[in-house]
Amino acid sequence: MSERKAHATETWAVLDLSTRDRNRITDFLTNDWGVSMDKVVRHMHLTAYHAREPMPGVASLREPAHVVLPAGDTRFMVMAPGGENPREELDPGRRKVGVRVHRQSPCFAEIMSFRERLLSFETLDVLGSRKPSSHTSNAFGARHFQAHMSLLLAGSGVPRDLSPLGASFREAFGEFIFDQFRVTVRQTGRGR
């Protein structure tokens, strides 16, 4: 017999990719790489923070932003812990795929300024026995923090070697604009 678990609260802080750049990336993936439109992420955003616990004092918000990410500062990865390195068990064609941002990128400090706005809400009550998040680590989810953006859903069929896709991506684009900062606090149901 299964028992339904209680709802959980999740907090997300993201920078939304501009509509223009989202359309350019979608065209690139579908036209140049033959990815089916239904396997391209629709609401592309750069994740700056995620917590799976209630965070008192954090409220949903939406505000204008202007973060410029040079395409040359991105690297493709499988969206799984350790997915920045090729591993036999992580087939990009069957898993979610995205890009991570180099820490040396000129925009990395700006991304961190959005992340820092949430870090002060990681109280001892929220953290429990976890260590607080920092610029390089997460209290929740993957241990190491990397600013990242999902581009492809599982089942896209991209080749196992993401290097040619990444090189083509960096060559095709100069920069990307993230034009909105959004914090979302939501209740989610956890399985049965």
C-alpha atoms as a PDB file:
ATOM      1  CA  MET A   1       0.000   0.000   0.000  1.00  0.00           C
ATOM      2  CA  SER A   2       1.366   3.417  -0.874  1.00  0.00           C
ATOM      3  CA  GLU A   3       1.026   6.526   1.207  1.00  0.00           C
ATOM      4  CA  ARG A   4       0.949  10.039  -0.237  1.00  0.00           C
ATOM      5  CA  LYS A   5       3.748  12.203   1.144  1.00  0.00           C
ATOM      6  CA  ALA A   6       3.125  15.758   2.290  1.00  0.00           C
ATOM      7  CA  HIS A   7       3.624  18.688  -0.015  1.00  0.00           C
ATOM      8  CA  ALA A   8       7.042  20.290  -0.031  1.00  0.00           C
ATOM      9  CA  THR A   9       7.971  23.913  -0.545  1.00  0.00           C
ATOM     10  CA  GLU A  10      10.521  24.740  -3.219  1.00  0.00           C
ATOM     11  CA  THR A  11      12.211  28.077  -3.797  1.00  0.00           C
ATOM     12  CA  TRP A  12      13.718  28.909  -7.172  1.00  0.00           C
ATOM     13  CA  ALA A  13      15.691  32.012  -8.171  1.00  0.00           C
ATOM     14  CA  VAL A  14      16.209  32.281 -11.913  1.00  0.00           C
ATOM     15  CA  LEU A  15      17.200  34.732 -14.608  1.00  0.00           C
ATOM     16  CA  ASP A  16      14.844  34.393 -17.572  1.00  0.00           C
ATOM     17  CA  LEU A  17      16.379  34.328 -21.024  1.00  0.00           C
ATOM     18  CA  SER A  18      15.031  37.018 -23.351  1.00  0.00           C
ATOM     19  CA  THR A  19      12.383  35.888 -25.828  1.00  0.00           C
ATOM     20  CA  ARG A  20      14.659  36.852 -28.727  1.00  0.00           C
ATOM     21  CA  ASP A  21      17.500  34.653 -27.492  1.00  0.00           C
ATOM     22  CA  ARG A  22      15.190  31.780 -26.565  1.00  0.00           C
ATOM     23  CA  ASN A  23      13.870  31.818 -30.155  1.00  0.00           C
ATOM     24  CA  ARG A  24      17.410  31.955 -31.583  1.00  0.00           C
ATOM     25  CA  ILE A  25      18.511  28.956 -29.506  1.00  0.00           C
ATOM     26  CA  THR A  26      15.366  27.013 -30.422  1.00  0.00           C
ATOM     27  CA  ASP A  27      15.988  27.666 -34.135  1.00  0.00           C
ATOM     28  CA  PHE A  28      19.621  26.598 -33.780  1.00  0.00           C
ATOM     29  CA  LEU A  29      18.748  23.332 -32.010  1.00  0.00           C
ATOM     30  CA  THR A  30      15.886  22.383 -34.326  1.00  0.00           C
ATOM     31  CA  ASN A  31      17.280  23.601 -37.663  1.00  0.00           C
ATOM     32  CA  ASP A  32      21.026  23.006 -37.262  1.00  0.00           C
ATOM     33  CA  TRP A  33      20.951  19.930 -35.016  1.00  0.00           C
ATOM     34  CA  GLY A  34      17.651  18.302 -35.982  1.00  0.00           C
ATOM     35  CA  VAL A  35      16.222  18.250 -32.469  1.00  0.00           C
ATOM     36  CA  SER A  36      12.451  17.862 -32.347  1.00  0.00           C
ATOM     37  CA  MET A  37      10.681  21.033 -31.162  1.00  0.00           C
ATOM     38  CA  ASP A  38       8.987  19.085 -28.355  1.00  0.00           C
ATOM     39  CA  LYS A  39      12.421  18.246 -26.891  1.00  0.00           C
ATOM     40  CA  VAL A  40      13.530  21.885 -26.587  1.00  0.00           C
ATOM     41  CA  VAL A  41      12.972  23.572 -23.208  1.00  0.00           C
ATOM     42  CA  ARG A  42      10.293  26.251 -23.598  1.00  0.00           C
ATOM     43  CA  HIS A  43      11.043  28.522 -20.634  1.00  0.00           C
ATOM     44  CA  MET A  44      14.819  28.829 -20.750  1.00  0.00           C
ATOM     45  CA  HIS A  45      16.345  30.388 -17.666  1.00  0.00           C
ATOM     46  CA  LEU A  46      19.601  30.432 -15.748  1.00  0.00           C
ATOM     47  CA  THR A  47      19.178  28.837 -12.337  1.00  0.00           C
ATOM     48  CA  ALA A  48      20.901  30.884  -9.637  1.00  0.00           C
ATOM     49  CA  TYR A  49      19.373  29.201  -6.572  1.00  0.00           C
ATOM     50  CA  HIS A  50      17.135  26.290  -5.596  1.00  0.00           C
ATOM     51  CA  ALA A  51      16.017  25.077  -2.154  1.00  0.00           C
ATOM     52  CA  ARG A  52      13.710  22.209  -1.262  1.00  0.00           C
ATOM     53  CA  GLU A  53      12.716  23.535   2.144  1.00  0.00           C
ATOM     54  CA  PRO A  54      10.396  26.333   3.285  1.00  0.00           C
ATOM     55  CA  MET A  55      12.373  29.561   3.642  1.00  0.00           C
ATOM     56  CA  PRO A  56      10.529  32.007   5.907  1.00  0.00           C
ATOM     57  CA  GLY A  57      10.682  35.556   4.589  1.00  0.00           C
ATOM     58  CA  VAL A  58      11.165  34.630   0.929  1.00  0.00           C
ATOM     59  CA  ALA A  59       8.321  35.690  -1.340  1.00  0.00           C
ATOM     60  CA  SER A  60       7.769  35.218  -5.045  1.00  0.00           C
ATOM     61  CA  LEU A  61       8.847  38.199  -7.127  1.00  0.00           C
ATOM     62  CA  ARG A  62       9.514  39.272 -10.677  1.00  0.00           C
ATOM     63  CA  GLU A  63      11.710  42.246 -11.601  1.00  0.00           C
ATOM     64  CA  PRO A  64      13.588  43.530 -14.634  1.00  0.00           C
ATOM     65  CA  ALA A  65      17.215  42.477 -15.032  1.00  0.00           C
ATOM     66  CA  HIS A  66      19.945  42.828 -17.621  1.00  0.00           C
ATOM     67  CA  VAL A  67      22.619  40.147 -17.493  1.00  0.00           C
ATOM     68  CA  VAL A  68      24.761  39.557 -20.585  1.00  0.00           C
ATOM     69  CA  LEU A  69      26.291  36.091 -20.933  1.00  0.00           C
ATOM     70  CA  PRO A  70      28.933  35.595 -23.645  1.00  0.00           C
ATOM     71  CA  ALA A  71      28.218  32.324 -25.477  1.00  0.00           C
ATOM     72  CA  GLY A  72      31.949  31.570 -25.285  1.00  0.00           C
ATOM     73  CA  ASP A  73      31.610  31.287 -21.497  1.00  0.00           C
ATOM     74  CA  THR A  74      29.246  28.302 -21.694  1.00  0.00           C
ATOM     75  CA  ARG A  75      29.909  24.569 -21.783  1.00  0.00           C
ATOM     76  CA  PHE A  76      27.380  21.842 -22.529  1.00  0.00           C
ATOM     77  CA  MET A  77      26.642  19.246 -19.878  1.00  0.00           C
ATOM     78  CA  VAL A  78      24.161  16.556 -18.924  1.00  0.00           C
ATOM     79  CA  MET A  79      21.879  18.026 -16.265  1.00  0.00           C
ATOM     80  CA  ALA A  80      22.824  15.610 -13.489  1.00  0.00           C
ATOM     81  CA  PRO A  81      25.330  15.781 -10.640  1.00  0.00           C
ATOM     82  CA  GLY A  82      28.752  15.350 -12.260  1.00  0.00           C
ATOM     83  CA  GLY A  83      27.223  15.801 -15.725  1.00  0.00           C
ATOM     84  CA  GLU A  84      29.919  18.231 -16.829  1.00  0.00           C
ATOM     85  CA  ASN A  85      32.208  15.226 -17.375  1.00  0.00           C
ATOM     86  CA  PRO A  86      31.335  12.450 -19.857  1.00  0.00           C
ATOM     87  CA  ARG A  87      30.242   9.309 -18.017  1.00  0.00           C
ATOM     88  CA  GLU A  88      29.045   6.036 -19.509  1.00  0.00           C
ATOM     89  CA  GLU A  89      25.820   6.044 -17.481  1.00  0.00           C
ATOM     90  CA  LEU A  90      24.868   9.597 -18.534  1.00  0.00           C
ATOM     91  CA  ASP A  91      23.725   9.417 -22.168  1.00  0.00           C
ATOM     92  CA  PRO A  92      22.974  13.009 -23.313  1.00  0.00           C
ATOM     93  CA  GLY A  93      20.546  11.752 -25.960  1.00  0.00           C
ATOM     94  CA  ARG A  94      18.391  10.232 -23.227  1.00  0.00           C
ATOM     95  CA  ARG A  95      18.909  12.811 -20.460  1.00  0.00           C
ATOM     96  CA  LYS A  96      18.215  16.516 -19.967  1.00  0.00           C
ATOM     97  CA  VAL A  97      21.031  18.654 -21.441  1.00  0.00           C
ATOM     98  CA  GLY A  98      22.005  22.262 -20.878  1.00  0.00           C
ATOM     99  CA  VAL A  99      24.887  24.666 -20.465  1.00  0.00           C
ATOM    100  CA  ARG A 100      26.855  25.778 -17.452  1.00  0.00           C
ATOM    101  CA  VAL A 101      28.548  29.147 -17.030  1.00  0.00           C
ATOM    102  CA  HIS A 102      32.307  29.390 -16.469  1.00  0.00           C
ATOM    103  CA  ARG A 103      33.159  30.907 -13.098  1.00  0.00           C
ATOM    104  CA  GLN A 104      35.668  33.180 -14.897  1.00  0.00           C
ATOM    105  CA  SER A 105      32.895  34.694 -17.017  1.00  0.00           C
ATOM    106  CA  PRO A 106      32.556  38.474 -16.659  1.00  0.00           C
ATOM    107  CA  CYS A 107      28.869  37.998 -15.792  1.00  0.00           C
ATOM    108  CA  PHE A 108      29.483  35.405 -13.037  1.00  0.00           C
ATOM    109  CA  ALA A 109      29.730  38.036 -10.270  1.00  0.00           C
ATOM    110  CA  GLU A 110      26.428  39.511 -11.393  1.00  0.00           C
ATOM    111  CA  ILE A 111      24.777  36.076 -11.340  1.00  0.00           C
ATOM    112  CA  MET A 112      26.167  35.586  -7.828  1.00  0.00           C
ATOM    113  CA  SER A 113      24.616  38.881  -6.692  1.00  0.00           C
ATOM    114  CA  PHE A 114      21.180  37.440  -7.506  1.00  0.00           C
ATOM    115  CA  ARG A 115      22.075  34.164  -5.721  1.00  0.00           C
ATOM    116  CA  GLU A 116      23.277  36.055  -2.627  1.00  0.00           C
ATOM    117  CA  ARG A 117      19.855  37.613  -2.194  1.00  0.00           C
ATOM    118  CA  LEU A 118      18.566  34.154  -1.176  1.00  0.00           C
ATOM    119  CA  LEU A 119      21.523  32.926   0.876  1.00  0.00           C
ATOM    120  CA  SER A 120      20.682  35.113   3.882  1.00  0.00           C
ATOM    121  CA  PHE A 121      17.384  33.210   4.252  1.00  0.00           C
ATOM    122  CA  GLU A 122      19.223  29.934   4.896  1.00  0.00           C
ATOM    123  CA  THR A 123      18.746  30.016   8.654  1.00  0.00           C
ATOM    124  CA  LEU A 124      19.651  27.169  11.013  1.00  0.00           C
ATOM    125  CA  ASP A 125      15.981  26.168  11.065  1.00  0.00           C
ATOM    126  CA  VAL A 126      15.981  25.876   7.260  1.00  0.00           C
ATOM    127  CA  LEU A 127      19.375  24.169   7.019  1.00  0.00           C
ATOM    128  CA  GLY A 128      19.091  21.666   9.836  1.00  0.00           C
ATOM    129  CA  SER A 129      22.386  19.757   9.753  1.00  0.00           C
ATOM    130  CA  ARG A 130      23.357  20.967   6.249  1.00  0.00           C
ATOM    131  CA  LYS A 131      26.168  23.418   5.563  1.00  0.00           C
ATOM    132  CA  PRO A 132      24.955  26.737   4.097  1.00  0.00           C
ATOM    133  CA  SER A 133      25.150  27.406   0.383  1.00  0.00           C
ATOM    134  CA  SER A 134      27.992  29.533  -0.975  1.00  0.00           C
ATOM    135  CA  HIS A 135      29.259  30.653  -4.375  1.00  0.00           C
ATOM    136  CA  THR A 136      30.560  27.131  -4.972  1.00  0.00           C
ATOM    137  CA  SER A 137      28.288  24.823  -2.971  1.00  0.00           C
ATOM    138  CA  ASN A 138      24.598  24.113  -2.460  1.00  0.00           C
ATOM    139  CA  ALA A 139      22.857  23.221   0.781  1.00  0.00           C
ATOM    140  CA  PHE A 140      20.185  21.428  -1.275  1.00  0.00           C
ATOM    141  CA  GLY A 141      20.459  19.257  -4.386  1.00  0.00           C
ATOM    142  CA  ALA A 142      23.779  18.876  -6.205  1.00  0.00           C
ATOM    143  CA  ARG A 143      26.685  19.465  -3.846  1.00  0.00           C
ATOM    144  CA  HIS A 144      28.574  21.849  -6.137  1.00  0.00           C
ATOM    145  CA  PHE A 145      26.863  24.964  -7.478  1.00  0.00           C
ATOM    146  CA  GLN A 146      27.120  25.789 -11.160  1.00  0.00           C
ATOM    147  CA  ALA A 147      25.011  28.491 -12.766  1.00  0.00           C
ATOM    148  CA  HIS A 148      23.235  26.548 -15.483  1.00  0.00           C
ATOM    149  CA  MET A 149      20.450  26.632 -18.061  1.00  0.00           C
ATOM    150  CA  SER A 150      18.597  23.574 -19.371  1.00  0.00           C
ATOM    151  CA  LEU A 151      18.101  23.577 -23.147  1.00  0.00           C
ATOM    152  CA  LEU A 152      17.013  20.059 -24.088  1.00  0.00           C
ATOM    153  CA  LEU A 153      14.577  17.660 -22.481  1.00  0.00           C
ATOM    154  CA  ALA A 154      15.330  13.973 -22.024  1.00  0.00           C
ATOM    155  CA  GLY A 155      15.079  12.007 -25.259  1.00  0.00           C
ATOM    156  CA  SER A 156      16.451  14.699 -27.594  1.00  0.00           C
ATOM    157  CA  GLY A 157      18.733  12.204 -29.326  1.00  0.00           C
ATOM    158  CA  VAL A 158      21.804  14.446 -29.322  1.00  0.00           C
ATOM    159  CA  PRO A 159      25.096  12.582 -29.715  1.00  0.00           C
ATOM    160  CA  ARG A 160      26.979  11.231 -26.729  1.00  0.00           C
ATOM    161  CA  ASP A 161      29.906  13.574 -27.404  1.00  0.00           C
ATOM    162  CA  LEU A 162      28.593  17.073 -26.626  1.00  0.00           C
ATOM    163  CA  SER A 163      31.814  18.803 -27.762  1.00  0.00           C
ATOM    164  CA  PRO A 164      30.767  19.391 -31.399  1.00  0.00           C
ATOM    165  CA  LEU A 165      27.363  20.705 -30.298  1.00  0.00           C
ATOM    166  CA  GLY A 166      29.021  23.025 -27.780  1.00  0.00           C
ATOM    167  CA  ALA A 167      31.575  24.321 -30.296  1.00  0.00           C
ATOM    168  CA  SER A 168      28.829  24.961 -32.855  1.00  0.00           C
ATOM    169  CA  PHE A 169      26.699  26.704 -30.207  1.00  0.00           C
ATOM    170  CA  ARG A 170      29.524  29.012 -29.121  1.00  0.00           C
ATOM    171  CA  GLU A 171      30.355  29.814 -32.764  1.00  0.00           C
ATOM    172  CA  ALA A 172      26.719  30.551 -33.686  1.00  0.00           C
ATOM    173  CA  PHE A 173      26.033  33.028 -30.889  1.00  0.00           C
ATOM    174  CA  GLY A 174      27.799  36.099 -29.540  1.00  0.00           C
ATOM    175  CA  GLU A 175      25.947  36.660 -26.295  1.00  0.00           C
ATOM    176  CA  PHE A 176      22.670  36.047 -24.520  1.00  0.00           C
ATOM    177  CA  ILE A 177      20.529  38.509 -22.586  1.00  0.00           C
ATOM    178  CA  PHE A 178      18.674  37.553 -19.426  1.00  0.00           C
ATOM    179  CA  ASP A 179      16.059  40.237 -18.936  1.00  0.00           C
ATOM    180  CA  GLN A 180      14.120  39.232 -15.851  1.00  0.00           C
ATOM    181  CA  PHE A 181      14.935  38.008 -12.332  1.00  0.00           C
ATOM    182  CA  ARG A 182      12.277  35.775 -10.856  1.00  0.00           C
ATOM    183  CA  VAL A 183      11.895  34.140  -7.452  1.00  0.00           C
ATOM    184  CA  THR A 184       9.231  31.453  -7.275  1.00  0.00           C
ATOM    185  CA  VAL A 185       8.038  29.870  -4.040  1.00  0.00           C
ATOM    186  CA  ARG A 186       5.738  26.931  -4.700  1.00  0.00           C
ATOM    187  CA  GLN A 187       4.203  23.884  -3.129  1.00  0.00           C
ATOM    188  CA  THR A 188       4.951  20.609  -4.852  1.00  0.00           C
ATOM    189  CA  GLY A 189       3.532  17.157  -4.271  1.00  0.00           C
ATOM    190  CA  ARG A 190       6.069  14.471  -3.663  1.00  0.00           C
ATOM    191  CA  GLY A 191       5.282  11.062  -5.196  1.00  0.00           C
ATOM    192  CA  ARG A 192       3.352   8.294  -3.556  1.00  0.00           C
END
